[in-house]
């Protein structure tokens, strides 16, 4: 229609498209151009404004998802239309910096097959515990209920767990999770209960409240936490160490599934990475990222109830056998 100069018909068709999908900035931009050709400048300005908002909102969404290359394209478009907008300029610089960092990391990256596990470089037994440390301690190799209770009390009083014991817990979890399938079957005997919990997101005191109301995890009182243990809240380290410690204490007391926030991209944006770096160390950032890749993806309770984070699949015909066959030991794909 543009090449035939039939701008009125183009406007009608773009109007129909906008009614179907008003979030598509391209539709608004193209209808604005058609209005301009017909010298309908007021309508052109309105549509152009909508287009700018669309690019901005989509760019902000891409940025929040860690899709920096896609976000960069949208903010470049906003910058072209609104060159003096300070917020668009700030977002554009943020995207440019992130994309440059990605390119640098790609340039120096080692092939997956040649990478060493960060766990191979850690020997927690060589880490000395200072005499003045009065917090929770693991005696030998066994995580006990007394240790977990003491650790939770320390966390409630905003005291830190010694790095030696934090390493010990996370490394034990790594070994345990590595042996699990991608889909875990849970058997709940008749007369018994299993408590299923959703996103905790670093809310340690909410987690403690759950345990106070419903009892601590045990073989007789098992829990399934269905992902998103970390990010957003300020006590993600305390949450994940508590959940991991219970799993080390009694594997059948607690089941853990991977959520979308158990991933590098989300942890970088929503706070867990920075919190770990502040409370523990850079090595723990790498270790948690690796261990999160070992978390199971889904659970089936008594061959009847399917539990997975994030909902069902975008395609039909997915079978439990397909999920069992997934090689989960990686970061989640873009799609």
C-alpha atoms as a PDB file:
ATOM      1  CA  UNK A   1       0.000   0.000   0.000  1.00  0.00           C
ATOM      2  CA  UNK A   2       2.907   2.376   0.670  1.00  0.00           C
ATOM      3  CA  UNK A   3       4.426   1.859  -2.770  1.00  0.00           C
ATOM      4  CA  UNK A   4       0.987   2.434  -4.332  1.00  0.00           C
ATOM      5  CA  UNK A   5       0.475   5.528  -2.149  1.00  0.00           C
ATOM      6  CA  UNK A   6      -2.716   4.008  -0.712  1.00  0.00           C
ATOM      7  CA  UNK A   7      -2.079   5.415   2.745  1.00  0.00           C
ATOM      8  CA  UNK A   8      -5.714   5.383   3.849  1.00  0.00           C
ATOM      9  CA  UNK A   9      -5.939   1.632   3.346  1.00  0.00           C
ATOM     10  CA  UNK A  10      -2.591   1.206   5.091  1.00  0.00           C
ATOM     11  CA  UNK A  11      -3.984   3.085   8.098  1.00  0.00           C
ATOM     12  CA  UNK A  12      -7.067   0.834   8.157  1.00  0.00           C
ATOM     13  CA  UNK A  13      -4.964  -2.328   8.116  1.00  0.00           C
ATOM     14  CA  UNK A  14      -2.523  -1.096  10.762  1.00  0.00           C
ATOM     15  CA  UNK A  15      -5.525  -0.124  12.904  1.00  0.00           C
ATOM     16  CA  UNK A  16      -6.763  -3.715  12.672  1.00  0.00           C
ATOM     17  CA  UNK A  17      -3.298  -4.987  13.554  1.00  0.00           C
ATOM     18  CA  UNK A  18      -3.118  -2.658  16.573  1.00  0.00           C
ATOM     19  CA  UNK A  19      -6.487  -3.935  17.772  1.00  0.00           C
ATOM     20  CA  UNK A  20      -5.022  -7.440  17.745  1.00  0.00           C
ATOM     21  CA  UNK A  21      -1.689  -6.466  19.327  1.00  0.00           C
ATOM     22  CA  UNK A  22      -1.418  -2.967  20.750  1.00  0.00           C
ATOM     23  CA  UNK A  23       2.016  -3.730  22.256  1.00  0.00           C
ATOM     24  CA  UNK A  24       3.760  -3.889  18.870  1.00  0.00           C
ATOM     25  CA  UNK A  25       5.656  -0.620  18.472  1.00  0.00           C
ATOM     26  CA  UNK A  26       6.205  -1.216  14.738  1.00  0.00           C
ATOM     27  CA  UNK A  27       2.451  -1.025  14.036  1.00  0.00           C
ATOM     28  CA  UNK A  28       2.216   2.354  15.762  1.00  0.00           C
ATOM     29  CA  UNK A  29       5.318   3.666  13.989  1.00  0.00           C
ATOM     30  CA  UNK A  30       4.089   2.581  10.549  1.00  0.00           C
ATOM     31  CA  UNK A  31       0.617   3.999  11.079  1.00  0.00           C
ATOM     32  CA  UNK A  32       2.245   7.247  12.201  1.00  0.00           C
ATOM     33  CA  UNK A  33       4.162   7.353   8.907  1.00  0.00           C
ATOM     34  CA  UNK A  34       0.944   6.820   6.934  1.00  0.00           C
ATOM     35  CA  UNK A  35      -0.730   9.673   8.817  1.00  0.00           C
ATOM     36  CA  UNK A  36       2.262  11.882   8.006  1.00  0.00           C
ATOM     37  CA  UNK A  37       1.927  11.072   4.290  1.00  0.00           C
ATOM     38  CA  UNK A  38      -1.708  12.199   4.474  1.00  0.00           C
ATOM     39  CA  UNK A  39      -0.640  15.332   6.389  1.00  0.00           C
ATOM     40  CA  UNK A  40      -2.623  14.182   9.432  1.00  0.00           C
ATOM     41  CA  UNK A  41       0.105  15.405  11.736  1.00  0.00           C
ATOM     42  CA  UNK A  42      -1.839  15.316  15.005  1.00  0.00           C
ATOM     43  CA  UNK A  43      -2.612  11.617  14.558  1.00  0.00           C
ATOM     44  CA  UNK A  44       0.962  11.014  13.407  1.00  0.00           C
ATOM     45  CA  UNK A  45       2.318  12.508  16.631  1.00  0.00           C
ATOM     46  CA  UNK A  46      -0.044  10.411  18.776  1.00  0.00           C
ATOM     47  CA  UNK A  47       0.973   7.194  17.032  1.00  0.00           C
ATOM     48  CA  UNK A  48       4.677   8.085  17.136  1.00  0.00           C
ATOM     49  CA  UNK A  49       4.393   8.651  20.889  1.00  0.00           C
ATOM     50  CA  UNK A  50       2.817   5.215  21.282  1.00  0.00           C
ATOM     51  CA  UNK A  51       5.640   3.730  19.208  1.00  0.00           C
ATOM     52  CA  UNK A  52       8.268   5.305  21.455  1.00  0.00           C
ATOM     53  CA  UNK A  53       6.497   3.932  24.537  1.00  0.00           C
ATOM     54  CA  UNK A  54       6.352   0.506  22.908  1.00  0.00           C
ATOM     55  CA  UNK A  55      10.062   0.405  22.113  1.00  0.00           C
ATOM     56  CA  UNK A  56      10.894   1.689  25.591  1.00  0.00           C
ATOM     57  CA  UNK A  57       8.688  -0.828  27.387  1.00  0.00           C
ATOM     58  CA  UNK A  58       9.897  -3.733  25.304  1.00  0.00           C
ATOM     59  CA  UNK A  59      13.509  -2.652  25.798  1.00  0.00           C
ATOM     60  CA  UNK A  60      12.985  -2.419  29.556  1.00  0.00           C
ATOM     61  CA  UNK A  61      11.468  -5.919  29.559  1.00  0.00           C
ATOM     62  CA  UNK A  62      14.381  -7.330  27.551  1.00  0.00           C
ATOM     63  CA  UNK A  63      16.804  -5.613  29.928  1.00  0.00           C
ATOM     64  CA  UNK A  64      15.091  -7.154  32.957  1.00  0.00           C
ATOM     65  CA  UNK A  65      15.335 -10.589  31.312  1.00  0.00           C
ATOM     66  CA  UNK A  66      19.037 -10.155  30.620  1.00  0.00           C
ATOM     67  CA  UNK A  67      18.485 -10.078  26.837  1.00  0.00           C
ATOM     68  CA  UNK A  68      20.858  -7.166  26.392  1.00  0.00           C
ATOM     69  CA  UNK A  69      21.311  -7.363  22.611  1.00  0.00           C
ATOM     70  CA  UNK A  70      17.548  -7.170  22.008  1.00  0.00           C
ATOM     71  CA  UNK A  71      17.205  -4.370  24.574  1.00  0.00           C
ATOM     72  CA  UNK A  72      20.024  -2.447  22.881  1.00  0.00           C
ATOM     73  CA  UNK A  73      18.149  -2.396  19.559  1.00  0.00           C
ATOM     74  CA  UNK A  74      14.999  -1.005  21.177  1.00  0.00           C
ATOM     75  CA  UNK A  75      16.783   1.708  23.149  1.00  0.00           C
ATOM     76  CA  UNK A  76      18.753   2.708  20.057  1.00  0.00           C
ATOM     77  CA  UNK A  77      15.393   3.225  18.361  1.00  0.00           C
ATOM     78  CA  UNK A  78      14.105   5.307  21.293  1.00  0.00           C
ATOM     79  CA  UNK A  79      17.320   7.340  21.286  1.00  0.00           C
ATOM     80  CA  UNK A  80      16.939   8.110  17.582  1.00  0.00           C
ATOM     81  CA  UNK A  81      13.405   9.373  18.153  1.00  0.00           C
ATOM     82  CA  UNK A  82      14.103  11.139  21.478  1.00  0.00           C
ATOM     83  CA  UNK A  83      17.820  12.027  21.466  1.00  0.00           C
ATOM     84  CA  UNK A  84      17.585  14.218  24.579  1.00  0.00           C
ATOM     85  CA  UNK A  85      15.659  11.828  26.829  1.00  0.00           C
ATOM     86  CA  UNK A  86      17.908  11.260  29.908  1.00  0.00           C
ATOM     87  CA  UNK A  87      16.326   7.972  30.966  1.00  0.00           C
ATOM     88  CA  UNK A  88      16.613   6.488  27.464  1.00  0.00           C
ATOM     89  CA  UNK A  89      20.252   7.618  27.363  1.00  0.00           C
ATOM     90  CA  UNK A  90      20.929   5.935  30.701  1.00  0.00           C
ATOM     91  CA  UNK A  91      19.277   2.681  29.610  1.00  0.00           C
ATOM     92  CA  UNK A  92      21.143   2.742  26.292  1.00  0.00           C
ATOM     93  CA  UNK A  93      24.511   3.124  28.038  1.00  0.00           C
ATOM     94  CA  UNK A  94      23.598   0.287  30.416  1.00  0.00           C
ATOM     95  CA  UNK A  95      22.808  -1.971  27.442  1.00  0.00           C
ATOM     96  CA  UNK A  96      25.970  -1.000  25.566  1.00  0.00           C
ATOM     97  CA  UNK A  97      28.076  -1.789  28.622  1.00  0.00           C
ATOM     98  CA  UNK A  98      26.358  -5.167  29.119  1.00  0.00           C
ATOM     99  CA  UNK A  99      26.738  -6.140  25.445  1.00  0.00           C
ATOM    100  CA  UNK A 100      30.438  -5.213  25.479  1.00  0.00           C
ATOM    101  CA  UNK A 101      30.912  -7.346  28.584  1.00  0.00           C
ATOM    102  CA  UNK A 102      29.153 -10.278  26.883  1.00  0.00           C
ATOM    103  CA  UNK A 103      31.405  -9.964  23.840  1.00  0.00           C
ATOM    104  CA  UNK A 104      34.501  -9.867  26.041  1.00  0.00           C
ATOM    105  CA  UNK A 105      33.367 -12.942  27.984  1.00  0.00           C
ATOM    106  CA  UNK A 106      32.686 -14.779  24.721  1.00  0.00           C
ATOM    107  CA  UNK A 107      36.160 -13.873  23.457  1.00  0.00           C
ATOM    108  CA  UNK A 108      37.940 -15.322  26.487  1.00  0.00           C
ATOM    109  CA  UNK A 109      35.538 -18.197  27.170  1.00  0.00           C
ATOM    110  CA  UNK A 110      36.702 -21.801  27.341  1.00  0.00           C
ATOM    111  CA  UNK A 111      34.707 -24.532  25.541  1.00  0.00           C
ATOM    112  CA  UNK A 112      32.227 -26.326  27.817  1.00  0.00           C
ATOM    113  CA  UNK A 113      34.062 -29.629  27.443  1.00  0.00           C
ATOM    114  CA  UNK A 114      37.309 -28.068  28.694  1.00  0.00           C
ATOM    115  CA  UNK A 115      35.905 -26.204  31.688  1.00  0.00           C
ATOM    116  CA  UNK A 116      36.877 -27.272  35.180  1.00  0.00           C
ATOM    117  CA  UNK A 117      34.331 -27.271  37.940  1.00  0.00           C
ATOM    118  CA  UNK A 118      34.950 -24.565  40.521  1.00  0.00           C
ATOM    119  CA  UNK A 119      34.301 -27.287  43.101  1.00  0.00           C
ATOM    120  CA  UNK A 120      37.555 -28.972  42.069  1.00  0.00           C
ATOM    121  CA  UNK A 121      39.506 -26.017  43.431  1.00  0.00           C
ATOM    122  CA  UNK A 122      37.817 -25.995  46.859  1.00  0.00           C
ATOM    123  CA  UNK A 123      38.973 -27.977  49.892  1.00  0.00           C
ATOM    124  CA  UNK A 124      36.886 -26.696  52.785  1.00  0.00           C
ATOM    125  CA  UNK A 125      38.850 -28.834  55.271  1.00  0.00           C
ATOM    126  CA  UNK A 126      41.855 -26.538  54.851  1.00  0.00           C
ATOM    127  CA  UNK A 127      39.848 -23.479  55.900  1.00  0.00           C
ATOM    128  CA  UNK A 128      40.569 -22.652  59.528  1.00  0.00           C
ATOM    129  CA  UNK A 129      37.799 -21.672  61.923  1.00  0.00           C
ATOM    130  CA  UNK A 130      38.909 -18.758  64.100  1.00  0.00           C
ATOM    131  CA  UNK A 131      38.725 -19.285  67.910  1.00  0.00           C
ATOM    132  CA  UNK A 132      36.439 -16.256  68.227  1.00  0.00           C
ATOM    133  CA  UNK A 133      33.820 -17.789  65.913  1.00  0.00           C
ATOM    134  CA  UNK A 134      30.834 -18.758  68.087  1.00  0.00           C
ATOM    135  CA  UNK A 135      28.352 -19.665  65.368  1.00  0.00           C
ATOM    136  CA  UNK A 136      26.986 -23.000  64.173  1.00  0.00           C
ATOM    137  CA  UNK A 137      29.576 -25.725  63.503  1.00  0.00           C
ATOM    138  CA  UNK A 138      29.423 -29.015  61.617  1.00  0.00           C
ATOM    139  CA  UNK A 139      31.194 -31.762  63.540  1.00  0.00           C
ATOM    140  CA  UNK A 140      32.820 -34.090  61.019  1.00  0.00           C
ATOM    141  CA  UNK A 141      30.951 -34.665  57.768  1.00  0.00           C
ATOM    142  CA  UNK A 142      27.378 -34.975  59.049  1.00  0.00           C
ATOM    143  CA  UNK A 143      24.880 -32.106  59.007  1.00  0.00           C
ATOM    144  CA  UNK A 144      22.658 -32.580  62.069  1.00  0.00           C
ATOM    145  CA  UNK A 145      19.345 -31.067  63.122  1.00  0.00           C
ATOM    146  CA  UNK A 146      21.066 -29.329  66.037  1.00  0.00           C
ATOM    147  CA  UNK A 147      23.450 -27.660  63.598  1.00  0.00           C
ATOM    148  CA  UNK A 148      20.604 -26.513  61.332  1.00  0.00           C
ATOM    149  CA  UNK A 149      18.629 -25.104  64.281  1.00  0.00           C
ATOM    150  CA  UNK A 150      21.686 -23.231  65.571  1.00  0.00           C
ATOM    151  CA  UNK A 151      22.416 -21.902  62.076  1.00  0.00           C
ATOM    152  CA  UNK A 152      18.827 -20.637  61.675  1.00  0.00           C
ATOM    153  CA  UNK A 153      18.978 -18.945  65.080  1.00  0.00           C
ATOM    154  CA  UNK A 154      22.223 -17.257  64.048  1.00  0.00           C
ATOM    155  CA  UNK A 155      20.627 -16.120  60.785  1.00  0.00           C
ATOM    156  CA  UNK A 156      17.629 -14.720  62.688  1.00  0.00           C
ATOM    157  CA  UNK A 157      20.090 -12.631  64.684  1.00  0.00           C
ATOM    158  CA  UNK A 158      21.771 -11.591  61.396  1.00  0.00           C
ATOM    159  CA  UNK A 159      24.957 -13.514  62.101  1.00  0.00           C
ATOM    160  CA  UNK A 160      26.878 -15.217  59.308  1.00  0.00           C
ATOM    161  CA  UNK A 161      27.771 -18.871  58.890  1.00  0.00           C
ATOM    162  CA  UNK A 162      31.497 -19.516  58.656  1.00  0.00           C
ATOM    163  CA  UNK A 163      32.629 -19.994  55.065  1.00  0.00           C
ATOM    164  CA  UNK A 164      34.076 -23.419  55.878  1.00  0.00           C
ATOM    165  CA  UNK A 165      30.630 -24.759  56.755  1.00  0.00           C
ATOM    166  CA  UNK A 166      28.922 -22.884  53.940  1.00  0.00           C
ATOM    167  CA  UNK A 167      31.314 -24.549  51.482  1.00  0.00           C
ATOM    168  CA  UNK A 168      30.711 -27.923  53.122  1.00  0.00           C
ATOM    169  CA  UNK A 169      26.919 -27.624  52.742  1.00  0.00           C
ATOM    170  CA  UNK A 170      26.968 -26.430  49.138  1.00  0.00           C
ATOM    171  CA  UNK A 171      29.531 -29.038  48.063  1.00  0.00           C
ATOM    172  CA  UNK A 172      27.518 -31.823  49.706  1.00  0.00           C
ATOM    173  CA  UNK A 173      24.437 -30.552  47.880  1.00  0.00           C
ATOM    174  CA  UNK A 174      26.327 -30.555  44.598  1.00  0.00           C
ATOM    175  CA  UNK A 175      27.241 -34.206  45.023  1.00  0.00           C
ATOM    176  CA  UNK A 176      23.705 -35.148  46.065  1.00  0.00           C
ATOM    177  CA  UNK A 177      21.911 -33.231  43.292  1.00  0.00           C
ATOM    178  CA  UNK A 178      24.274 -34.509  40.611  1.00  0.00           C
ATOM    179  CA  UNK A 179      22.984 -38.034  41.229  1.00  0.00           C
ATOM    180  CA  UNK A 180      19.294 -37.098  40.896  1.00  0.00           C
ATOM    181  CA  UNK A 181      17.249 -37.385  37.692  1.00  0.00           C
ATOM    182  CA  UNK A 182      15.759 -34.336  35.974  1.00  0.00           C
ATOM    183  CA  UNK A 183      12.305 -35.470  37.077  1.00  0.00           C
ATOM    184  CA  UNK A 184      12.054 -36.824  40.624  1.00  0.00           C
ATOM    185  CA  UNK A 185       9.278 -39.160  41.772  1.00  0.00           C
ATOM    186  CA  UNK A 186       8.024 -38.594  45.319  1.00  0.00           C
ATOM    187  CA  UNK A 187       6.087 -41.259  47.186  1.00  0.00           C
ATOM    188  CA  UNK A 188       3.819 -40.014  49.970  1.00  0.00           C
ATOM    189  CA  UNK A 189       2.431 -42.957  51.997  1.00  0.00           C
ATOM    190  CA  UNK A 190      -1.257 -43.116  52.926  1.00  0.00           C
ATOM    191  CA  UNK A 191      -1.968 -40.975  55.963  1.00  0.00           C
ATOM    192  CA  UNK A 192       1.119 -38.823  55.387  1.00  0.00           C
ATOM    193  CA  UNK A 193       1.361 -35.280  54.039  1.00  0.00           C
ATOM    194  CA  UNK A 194       3.736 -33.387  51.766  1.00  0.00           C
ATOM    195  CA  UNK A 195       3.808 -29.589  51.963  1.00  0.00           C
ATOM    196  CA  UNK A 196       4.422 -27.831  48.634  1.00  0.00           C
ATOM    197  CA  UNK A 197       5.738 -24.256  48.810  1.00  0.00           C
ATOM    198  CA  UNK A 198       6.092 -21.703  46.036  1.00  0.00           C
ATOM    199  CA  UNK A 199       8.557 -18.842  45.583  1.00  0.00           C
ATOM    200  CA  UNK A 200      10.511 -17.804  48.685  1.00  0.00           C
ATOM    201  CA  UNK A 201      12.646 -15.162  46.922  1.00  0.00           C
ATOM    202  CA  UNK A 202      15.074 -14.468  49.730  1.00  0.00           C
ATOM    203  CA  UNK A 203      12.424 -13.885  52.417  1.00  0.00           C
ATOM    204  CA  UNK A 204      14.165 -15.745  55.232  1.00  0.00           C
ATOM    205  CA  UNK A 205      11.798 -14.650  57.979  1.00  0.00           C
ATOM    206  CA  UNK A 206       8.815 -15.848  55.940  1.00  0.00           C
ATOM    207  CA  UNK A 207      10.579 -19.201  55.560  1.00  0.00           C
ATOM    208  CA  UNK A 208      11.090 -19.377  59.321  1.00  0.00           C
ATOM    209  CA  UNK A 209       7.412 -18.515  59.834  1.00  0.00           C
ATOM    210  CA  UNK A 210       6.398 -21.407  57.547  1.00  0.00           C
ATOM    211  CA  UNK A 211       8.462 -23.795  59.663  1.00  0.00           C
ATOM    212  CA  UNK A 212       7.036 -22.383  62.899  1.00  0.00           C
ATOM    213  CA  UNK A 213       3.468 -22.857  61.637  1.00  0.00           C
ATOM    214  CA  UNK A 214       3.935 -26.185  59.869  1.00  0.00           C
ATOM    215  CA  UNK A 215       6.912 -27.810  61.571  1.00  0.00           C
ATOM    216  CA  UNK A 216      10.520 -28.291  60.513  1.00  0.00           C
ATOM    217  CA  UNK A 217      11.316 -30.487  57.496  1.00  0.00           C
ATOM    218  CA  UNK A 218      11.811 -34.136  58.418  1.00  0.00           C
ATOM    219  CA  UNK A 219      11.193 -37.575  56.971  1.00  0.00           C
ATOM    220  CA  UNK A 220       7.765 -37.508  58.648  1.00  0.00           C
ATOM    221  CA  UNK A 221       7.042 -33.878  57.625  1.00  0.00           C
ATOM    222  CA  UNK A 222       8.510 -33.463  54.118  1.00  0.00           C
ATOM    223  CA  UNK A 223       8.448 -30.311  51.980  1.00  0.00           C
ATOM    224  CA  UNK A 224       8.731 -29.598  48.279  1.00  0.00           C
ATOM    225  CA  UNK A 225      10.022 -26.109  47.471  1.00  0.00           C
ATOM    226  CA  UNK A 226       9.176 -25.426  43.846  1.00  0.00           C
ATOM    227  CA  UNK A 227      11.954 -23.039  42.777  1.00  0.00           C
ATOM    228  CA  UNK A 228      12.795 -19.338  43.028  1.00  0.00           C
ATOM    229  CA  UNK A 229      14.506 -19.598  46.411  1.00  0.00           C
ATOM    230  CA  UNK A 230      16.672 -16.530  45.806  1.00  0.00           C
ATOM    231  CA  UNK A 231      16.682 -12.979  44.380  1.00  0.00           C
ATOM    232  CA  UNK A 232      14.566  -9.934  45.243  1.00  0.00           C
ATOM    233  CA  UNK A 233      14.676 -10.486  49.014  1.00  0.00           C
ATOM    234  CA  UNK A 234      17.651  -9.423  51.119  1.00  0.00           C
ATOM    235  CA  UNK A 235      18.285 -12.802  52.767  1.00  0.00           C
ATOM    236  CA  UNK A 236      18.708 -15.133  49.808  1.00  0.00           C
ATOM    237  CA  UNK A 237      21.983 -16.541  51.163  1.00  0.00           C
ATOM    238  CA  UNK A 238      20.277 -17.448  54.436  1.00  0.00           C
ATOM    239  CA  UNK A 239      17.340 -19.040  52.595  1.00  0.00           C
ATOM    240  CA  UNK A 240      19.415 -21.185  50.252  1.00  0.00           C
ATOM    241  CA  UNK A 241      21.832 -22.354  52.961  1.00  0.00           C
ATOM    242  CA  UNK A 242      18.889 -23.306  55.195  1.00  0.00           C
ATOM    243  CA  UNK A 243      17.155 -25.297  52.446  1.00  0.00           C
ATOM    244  CA  UNK A 244      20.416 -26.945  51.397  1.00  0.00           C
ATOM    245  CA  UNK A 245      21.284 -27.801  55.020  1.00  0.00           C
ATOM    246  CA  UNK A 246      17.949 -29.559  55.565  1.00  0.00           C
ATOM    247  CA  UNK A 247      18.504 -31.522  52.340  1.00  0.00           C
ATOM    248  CA  UNK A 248      21.975 -32.549  53.520  1.00  0.00           C
ATOM    249  CA  UNK A 249      20.572 -33.503  56.926  1.00  0.00           C
ATOM    250  CA  UNK A 250      17.834 -35.726  55.465  1.00  0.00           C
ATOM    251  CA  UNK A 251      17.392 -36.013  51.675  1.00  0.00           C
ATOM    252  CA  UNK A 252      13.777 -37.189  51.993  1.00  0.00           C
ATOM    253  CA  UNK A 253      12.863 -34.293  54.324  1.00  0.00           C
ATOM    254  CA  UNK A 254      12.959 -31.700  51.585  1.00  0.00           C
ATOM    255  CA  UNK A 255      12.745 -31.670  47.794  1.00  0.00           C
ATOM    256  CA  UNK A 256      13.987 -28.746  45.717  1.00  0.00           C
ATOM    257  CA  UNK A 257      13.098 -27.867  42.122  1.00  0.00           C
ATOM    258  CA  UNK A 258      14.784 -25.343  39.880  1.00  0.00           C
ATOM    259  CA  UNK A 259      12.996 -22.086  39.118  1.00  0.00           C
ATOM    260  CA  UNK A 260      13.889 -19.450  36.561  1.00  0.00           C
ATOM    261  CA  UNK A 261      15.697 -17.473  39.292  1.00  0.00           C
ATOM    262  CA  UNK A 262      18.170 -20.298  39.808  1.00  0.00           C
ATOM    263  CA  UNK A 263      20.172 -18.999  36.858  1.00  0.00           C
ATOM    264  CA  UNK A 264      23.098 -16.660  36.212  1.00  0.00           C
ATOM    265  CA  UNK A 265      21.141 -14.090  34.207  1.00  0.00           C
ATOM    266  CA  UNK A 266      18.460 -13.643  36.861  1.00  0.00           C
ATOM    267  CA  UNK A 267      20.919 -13.678  39.774  1.00  0.00           C
ATOM    268  CA  UNK A 268      22.941 -10.946  38.100  1.00  0.00           C
ATOM    269  CA  UNK A 269      19.904  -8.671  37.718  1.00  0.00           C
ATOM    270  CA  UNK A 270      17.803  -9.408  40.802  1.00  0.00           C
ATOM    271  CA  UNK A 271      20.399  -9.328  43.550  1.00  0.00           C
ATOM    272  CA  UNK A 272      21.549 -12.817  44.523  1.00  0.00           C
ATOM    273  CA  UNK A 273      24.934 -12.507  42.838  1.00  0.00           C
ATOM    274  CA  UNK A 274      25.707  -9.243  44.623  1.00  0.00           C
ATOM    275  CA  UNK A 275      24.470 -10.590  47.950  1.00  0.00           C
ATOM    276  CA  UNK A 276      26.646 -13.708  47.682  1.00  0.00           C
ATOM    277  CA  UNK A 277      29.659 -11.620  46.740  1.00  0.00           C
ATOM    278  CA  UNK A 278      29.051  -9.369  49.768  1.00  0.00           C
ATOM    279  CA  UNK A 279      28.279 -12.041  52.384  1.00  0.00           C
ATOM    280  CA  UNK A 280      30.524 -14.859  51.155  1.00  0.00           C
ATOM    281  CA  UNK A 281      32.911 -14.510  48.194  1.00  0.00           C
ATOM    282  CA  UNK A 282      33.300 -14.538  44.412  1.00  0.00           C
ATOM    283  CA  UNK A 283      34.024 -18.272  44.535  1.00  0.00           C
ATOM    284  CA  UNK A 284      30.579 -18.866  46.010  1.00  0.00           C
ATOM    285  CA  UNK A 285      29.016 -16.949  43.107  1.00  0.00           C
ATOM    286  CA  UNK A 286      30.494 -19.498  40.698  1.00  0.00           C
ATOM    287  CA  UNK A 287      29.709 -22.443  42.967  1.00  0.00           C
ATOM    288  CA  UNK A 288      26.033 -21.559  43.429  1.00  0.00           C
ATOM    289  CA  UNK A 289      25.665 -21.004  39.677  1.00  0.00           C
ATOM    290  CA  UNK A 290      27.025 -24.502  39.074  1.00  0.00           C
ATOM    291  CA  UNK A 291      24.947 -26.183  41.779  1.00  0.00           C
ATOM    292  CA  UNK A 292      21.749 -24.509  40.555  1.00  0.00           C
ATOM    293  CA  UNK A 293      22.284 -26.300  37.228  1.00  0.00           C
ATOM    294  CA  UNK A 294      22.068 -29.624  39.088  1.00  0.00           C
ATOM    295  CA  UNK A 295      18.637 -28.948  40.627  1.00  0.00           C
ATOM    296  CA  UNK A 296      15.855 -31.211  39.293  1.00  0.00           C
ATOM    297  CA  UNK A 297      13.382 -29.572  36.923  1.00  0.00           C
ATOM    298  CA  UNK A 298      10.155 -31.203  38.099  1.00  0.00           C
ATOM    299  CA  UNK A 299       8.557 -33.656  40.525  1.00  0.00           C
ATOM    300  CA  UNK A 300       5.702 -36.154  40.326  1.00  0.00           C
ATOM    301  CA  UNK A 301       3.852 -36.928  43.561  1.00  0.00           C
ATOM    302  CA  UNK A 302       2.404 -40.442  43.882  1.00  0.00           C
ATOM    303  CA  UNK A 303       2.291 -40.811  40.086  1.00  0.00           C
ATOM    304  CA  UNK A 304      -0.617 -38.332  40.043  1.00  0.00           C
ATOM    305  CA  UNK A 305       0.493 -34.744  40.682  1.00  0.00           C
ATOM    306  CA  UNK A 306       2.985 -33.041  38.361  1.00  0.00           C
ATOM    307  CA  UNK A 307       4.835 -30.102  39.953  1.00  0.00           C
ATOM    308  CA  UNK A 308       7.040 -27.765  37.905  1.00  0.00           C
ATOM    309  CA  UNK A 309       8.042 -24.129  38.129  1.00  0.00           C
ATOM    310  CA  UNK A 310       6.722 -21.732  35.498  1.00  0.00           C
ATOM    311  CA  UNK A 311       3.721 -23.681  34.227  1.00  0.00           C
ATOM    312  CA  UNK A 312       3.075 -26.122  31.427  1.00  0.00           C
ATOM    313  CA  UNK A 313       4.663 -26.264  28.009  1.00  0.00           C
ATOM    314  CA  UNK A 314       4.128 -24.053  24.967  1.00  0.00           C
ATOM    315  CA  UNK A 315       3.718 -27.160  22.791  1.00  0.00           C
ATOM    316  CA  UNK A 316       1.440 -30.169  23.172  1.00  0.00           C
ATOM    317  CA  UNK A 317       2.512 -33.772  23.476  1.00  0.00           C
ATOM    318  CA  UNK A 318       5.309 -33.406  26.038  1.00  0.00           C
ATOM    319  CA  UNK A 319       5.633 -36.620  28.056  1.00  0.00           C
ATOM    320  CA  UNK A 320       7.173 -37.315  31.437  1.00  0.00           C
ATOM    321  CA  UNK A 321       9.759 -39.418  29.640  1.00  0.00           C
ATOM    322  CA  UNK A 322      10.778 -36.314  27.665  1.00  0.00           C
ATOM    323  CA  UNK A 323      11.422 -34.431  30.901  1.00  0.00           C
ATOM    324  CA  UNK A 324      13.361 -37.327  32.380  1.00  0.00           C
ATOM    325  CA  UNK A 325      15.601 -37.296  29.302  1.00  0.00           C
ATOM    326  CA  UNK A 326      16.508 -33.593  29.553  1.00  0.00           C
ATOM    327  CA  UNK A 327      20.199 -32.851  30.075  1.00  0.00           C
ATOM    328  CA  UNK A 328      19.660 -30.117  32.660  1.00  0.00           C
ATOM    329  CA  UNK A 329      23.288 -29.422  33.575  1.00  0.00           C
ATOM    330  CA  UNK A 330      23.442 -26.001  31.922  1.00  0.00           C
ATOM    331  CA  UNK A 331      22.030 -22.500  32.033  1.00  0.00           C
ATOM    332  CA  UNK A 332      18.432 -22.259  30.754  1.00  0.00           C
ATOM    333  CA  UNK A 333      18.135 -21.494  27.029  1.00  0.00           C
ATOM    334  CA  UNK A 334      16.775 -18.163  25.781  1.00  0.00           C
ATOM    335  CA  UNK A 335      13.543 -19.790  24.583  1.00  0.00           C
END
